[in-house]
């Protein structure tokens, strides 16, 4: 089973082949439980102003590339905010 860091590394190297369940694992680790998860969409709340949510969608077990990139951006923003990245 892949760790969150392994999945993040895979997302950075190739955002096209990310499984939805792996993207959910990353989002759960960084943003907590989704505020919606009953359909093919999962919506996560983020702690900053503006558009404070991350919306991901299950497409036959895979994630959409643009949503993977949005999650990466949100994770990086969160790490910068918390002082975990340079």
N, C-alpha and C. Protein backbone atom coordinates (compact mmCIF):
# COMPACT_ATOMS: atom_id res chain seq x y z
N UNK A 1 0.84 -1.18 0.00
CA UNK A 1 0.00 0.00 0.00
C UNK A 1 0.89 1.24 0.00
N UNK A 2 0.58 2.19 -0.85
CA UNK A 2 1.39 3.40 -0.99
C UNK A 2 1.14 4.37 0.15
N UNK A 3 2.22 5.05 0.53
CA UNK A 3 2.08 6.09 1.54
C UNK A 3 1.65 7.38 0.85
N UNK A 4 1.21 8.35 1.65
CA UNK A 4 0.78 9.63 1.11
C UNK A 4 1.94 10.29 0.37
N UNK A 5 3.14 10.20 0.92
CA UNK A 5 4.31 10.82 0.27
C UNK A 5 4.61 10.13 -1.07
N UNK A 6 4.47 8.82 -1.13
CA UNK A 6 4.68 8.10 -2.39
C UNK A 6 3.68 8.56 -3.44
N UNK A 7 2.43 8.71 -3.03
CA UNK A 7 1.38 9.15 -3.95
C UNK A 7 1.66 10.58 -4.43
N UNK A 8 2.08 11.45 -3.51
CA UNK A 8 2.42 12.83 -3.90
C UNK A 8 3.56 12.85 -4.92
N UNK A 9 4.56 12.04 -4.70
CA UNK A 9 5.68 11.96 -5.65
C UNK A 9 5.20 11.49 -7.01
N UNK A 10 4.32 10.51 -7.02
CA UNK A 10 3.75 10.01 -8.27
C UNK A 10 2.91 11.08 -8.94
N UNK A 11 2.13 11.84 -8.16
CA UNK A 11 1.30 12.92 -8.70
C UNK A 11 2.17 13.98 -9.36
N UNK A 12 3.29 14.30 -8.74
CA UNK A 12 4.19 15.32 -9.28
C UNK A 12 4.86 14.85 -10.57
N UNK A 13 5.22 13.58 -10.64
CA UNK A 13 5.92 13.08 -11.82
C UNK A 13 4.98 12.77 -12.98
N UNK A 14 3.76 12.31 -12.68
CA UNK A 14 2.81 11.99 -13.74
C UNK A 14 1.37 12.14 -13.22
N UNK A 15 0.79 13.33 -13.34
CA UNK A 15 -0.56 13.54 -12.80
C UNK A 15 -1.65 12.81 -13.58
N UNK A 16 -1.30 12.20 -14.69
CA UNK A 16 -2.31 11.56 -15.53
C UNK A 16 -2.80 10.21 -15.00
N UNK A 17 -1.94 9.43 -14.38
CA UNK A 17 -2.31 8.06 -14.01
C UNK A 17 -2.64 7.87 -12.54
N UNK A 18 -3.32 8.81 -11.91
CA UNK A 18 -3.58 8.74 -10.48
C UNK A 18 -4.97 8.14 -10.22
N UNK A 19 -4.99 7.11 -9.41
CA UNK A 19 -6.26 6.49 -9.05
C UNK A 19 -7.03 7.39 -8.09
N UNK A 20 -8.34 7.35 -8.21
CA UNK A 20 -9.19 8.20 -7.38
C UNK A 20 -8.99 7.89 -5.90
N UNK A 21 -8.88 6.63 -5.55
CA UNK A 21 -8.72 6.29 -4.13
C UNK A 21 -7.40 6.82 -3.57
N UNK A 22 -6.35 6.88 -4.41
CA UNK A 22 -5.08 7.45 -3.97
C UNK A 22 -5.20 8.96 -3.77
N UNK A 23 -5.91 9.62 -4.67
CA UNK A 23 -6.13 11.06 -4.52
C UNK A 23 -6.95 11.34 -3.27
N UNK A 24 -7.93 10.50 -2.98
CA UNK A 24 -8.72 10.63 -1.75
C UNK A 24 -7.83 10.49 -0.52
N UNK A 25 -6.89 9.56 -0.57
CA UNK A 25 -5.98 9.33 0.56
C UNK A 25 -5.16 10.58 0.85
N UNK A 26 -4.66 11.23 -0.21
CA UNK A 26 -3.89 12.46 -0.05
C UNK A 26 -4.77 13.56 0.52
N UNK A 27 -5.95 13.73 -0.05
CA UNK A 27 -6.87 14.78 0.41
C UNK A 27 -7.29 14.55 1.86
N UNK A 28 -7.58 13.32 2.22
CA UNK A 28 -7.95 13.00 3.61
C UNK A 28 -6.81 13.37 4.57
N UNK A 29 -5.57 13.09 4.15
CA UNK A 29 -4.42 13.36 5.01
C UNK A 29 -4.18 14.86 5.19
N UNK A 30 -4.40 15.64 4.14
CA UNK A 30 -4.10 17.07 4.21
C UNK A 30 -5.30 17.94 4.60
N UNK A 31 -6.51 17.53 4.23
CA UNK A 31 -7.68 18.40 4.42
C UNK A 31 -8.72 17.82 5.36
N UNK A 32 -8.53 16.60 5.83
CA UNK A 32 -9.49 15.98 6.72
C UNK A 32 -10.62 15.32 5.96
N UNK A 33 -11.69 15.03 6.67
CA UNK A 33 -12.84 14.36 6.03
C UNK A 33 -13.50 15.29 5.02
N UNK A 34 -13.99 14.72 3.92
CA UNK A 34 -14.69 15.57 2.95
C UNK A 34 -16.04 16.03 3.49
N UNK A 35 -16.44 17.23 3.09
CA UNK A 35 -17.75 17.70 3.55
C UNK A 35 -18.86 17.10 2.69
N UNK A 36 -18.51 16.56 1.53
CA UNK A 36 -19.46 15.81 0.71
C UNK A 36 -18.73 14.62 0.13
N UNK A 37 -19.37 13.44 0.21
CA UNK A 37 -18.73 12.26 -0.36
C UNK A 37 -19.73 11.22 -0.81
N UNK A 38 -20.99 11.57 -0.97
CA UNK A 38 -22.01 10.58 -1.29
C UNK A 38 -22.15 10.27 -2.76
N UNK A 39 -21.54 11.05 -3.62
CA UNK A 39 -21.68 10.83 -5.06
C UNK A 39 -20.31 10.54 -5.66
N UNK A 40 -20.16 10.77 -6.94
CA UNK A 40 -18.86 10.57 -7.57
C UNK A 40 -17.89 11.69 -7.22
N UNK A 41 -18.39 12.75 -6.59
CA UNK A 41 -17.56 13.89 -6.19
C UNK A 41 -17.26 13.83 -4.69
N UNK A 42 -16.09 14.32 -4.33
CA UNK A 42 -15.74 14.53 -2.92
C UNK A 42 -15.26 15.97 -2.82
N UNK A 43 -15.78 16.69 -1.85
CA UNK A 43 -15.44 18.10 -1.68
C UNK A 43 -14.78 18.27 -0.32
N UNK A 44 -13.57 18.86 -0.36
CA UNK A 44 -12.79 19.09 0.85
C UNK A 44 -12.68 20.58 1.10
N UNK A 45 -12.70 20.96 2.36
CA UNK A 45 -12.55 22.35 2.76
C UNK A 45 -11.07 22.64 3.01
N UNK A 46 -10.64 23.84 2.58
CA UNK A 46 -9.27 24.27 2.83
C UNK A 46 -9.30 25.48 3.76
N UNK A 47 -8.20 25.77 4.45
CA UNK A 47 -8.21 26.80 5.50
C UNK A 47 -7.98 28.23 5.03
N UNK A 48 -7.95 28.51 3.73
CA UNK A 48 -7.65 29.87 3.29
C UNK A 48 -8.87 30.55 2.68
N UNK A 49 -8.74 31.86 2.51
CA UNK A 49 -9.80 32.69 1.96
C UNK A 49 -9.92 32.46 0.45
N UNK A 50 -11.00 32.94 -0.12
CA UNK A 50 -11.21 32.81 -1.56
C UNK A 50 -12.12 31.64 -1.84
N UNK A 51 -11.62 30.70 -2.62
CA UNK A 51 -12.40 29.51 -2.94
C UNK A 51 -11.88 28.37 -2.06
N UNK A 52 -12.40 28.27 -0.84
CA UNK A 52 -11.81 27.34 0.14
C UNK A 52 -12.28 25.89 0.01
N UNK A 53 -12.11 25.33 -1.18
CA UNK A 53 -12.50 23.93 -1.33
C UNK A 53 -11.68 23.26 -2.43
N UNK A 54 -11.61 21.96 -2.30
CA UNK A 54 -10.99 21.11 -3.32
C UNK A 54 -12.06 20.11 -3.71
N UNK A 55 -12.36 20.04 -4.99
CA UNK A 55 -13.40 19.16 -5.50
C UNK A 55 -12.75 18.13 -6.40
N UNK A 56 -12.89 16.84 -6.05
CA UNK A 56 -12.34 15.78 -6.89
C UNK A 56 -13.46 14.86 -7.34
N UNK A 57 -13.23 14.20 -8.45
CA UNK A 57 -14.28 13.40 -9.07
C UNK A 57 -13.75 12.03 -9.47
N UNK A 58 -14.57 11.01 -9.25
CA UNK A 58 -14.23 9.63 -9.60
C UNK A 58 -14.73 9.34 -11.01
N UNK A 59 -13.79 9.09 -11.92
CA UNK A 59 -14.13 8.73 -13.29
C UNK A 59 -13.62 7.31 -13.54
N UNK A 60 -14.50 6.35 -13.32
CA UNK A 60 -14.16 4.93 -13.51
C UNK A 60 -12.89 4.54 -12.74
N UNK A 61 -12.80 5.01 -11.50
CA UNK A 61 -11.68 4.65 -10.65
C UNK A 61 -10.45 5.53 -10.79
N UNK A 62 -10.47 6.45 -11.73
CA UNK A 62 -9.32 7.33 -11.96
C UNK A 62 -9.69 8.78 -11.65
N UNK A 63 -8.68 9.62 -11.52
CA UNK A 63 -8.87 11.04 -11.25
C UNK A 63 -8.63 11.84 -12.51
N UNK A 64 -9.28 13.00 -12.60
CA UNK A 64 -9.04 13.90 -13.71
C UNK A 64 -7.72 14.62 -13.48
N UNK A 65 -6.97 14.82 -14.54
CA UNK A 65 -5.63 15.41 -14.46
C UNK A 65 -5.70 16.81 -13.85
N UNK A 66 -6.64 17.64 -14.28
CA UNK A 66 -6.69 19.00 -13.76
C UNK A 66 -7.02 19.01 -12.28
N UNK A 67 -7.77 18.03 -11.80
CA UNK A 67 -8.07 17.95 -10.37
C UNK A 67 -6.85 17.50 -9.58
N UNK A 68 -6.05 16.61 -10.14
CA UNK A 68 -4.80 16.19 -9.49
C UNK A 68 -3.90 17.41 -9.35
N UNK A 69 -3.80 18.22 -10.39
CA UNK A 69 -2.97 19.43 -10.35
C UNK A 69 -3.50 20.42 -9.32
N UNK A 70 -4.84 20.54 -9.21
CA UNK A 70 -5.43 21.43 -8.20
C UNK A 70 -5.10 20.95 -6.80
N UNK A 71 -5.14 19.65 -6.57
CA UNK A 71 -4.81 19.10 -5.26
C UNK A 71 -3.33 19.36 -4.95
N UNK A 72 -2.46 19.15 -5.93
CA UNK A 72 -1.03 19.43 -5.73
C UNK A 72 -0.81 20.89 -5.35
N UNK A 73 -1.48 21.78 -6.05
CA UNK A 73 -1.35 23.21 -5.76
C UNK A 73 -1.83 23.50 -4.34
N UNK A 74 -2.97 22.93 -3.96
CA UNK A 74 -3.52 23.16 -2.62
C UNK A 74 -2.60 22.58 -1.54
N UNK A 75 -2.03 21.41 -1.78
CA UNK A 75 -1.11 20.79 -0.81
C UNK A 75 0.13 21.67 -0.66
N UNK A 76 0.67 22.15 -1.78
CA UNK A 76 1.85 23.02 -1.72
C UNK A 76 1.53 24.32 -0.98
N UNK A 77 0.36 24.89 -1.25
CA UNK A 77 -0.04 26.11 -0.56
C UNK A 77 -0.17 25.88 0.94
N UNK A 78 -0.73 24.74 1.30
CA UNK A 78 -0.88 24.39 2.71
C UNK A 78 0.48 24.18 3.38
N UNK A 79 1.40 23.52 2.68
CA UNK A 79 2.73 23.30 3.23
C UNK A 79 3.49 24.61 3.40
N UNK A 80 3.36 25.53 2.46
CA UNK A 80 4.00 26.83 2.58
C UNK A 80 3.41 27.59 3.76
N UNK A 81 2.09 27.53 3.88
CA UNK A 81 1.39 28.22 4.97
C UNK A 81 1.84 27.68 6.33
N UNK A 82 2.10 26.38 6.40
CA UNK A 82 2.51 25.74 7.65
C UNK A 82 4.03 25.69 7.82
N UNK A 83 4.77 26.24 6.87
CA UNK A 83 6.22 26.30 6.97
C UNK A 83 6.92 24.97 6.72
N UNK A 84 6.30 24.08 5.96
CA UNK A 84 6.89 22.76 5.72
C UNK A 84 7.69 22.71 4.42
N UNK A 85 7.59 23.73 3.58
CA UNK A 85 8.33 23.74 2.32
C UNK A 85 9.18 24.99 2.25
N UNK A 86 10.19 24.95 1.40
CA UNK A 86 11.08 26.10 1.23
C UNK A 86 10.39 27.20 0.46
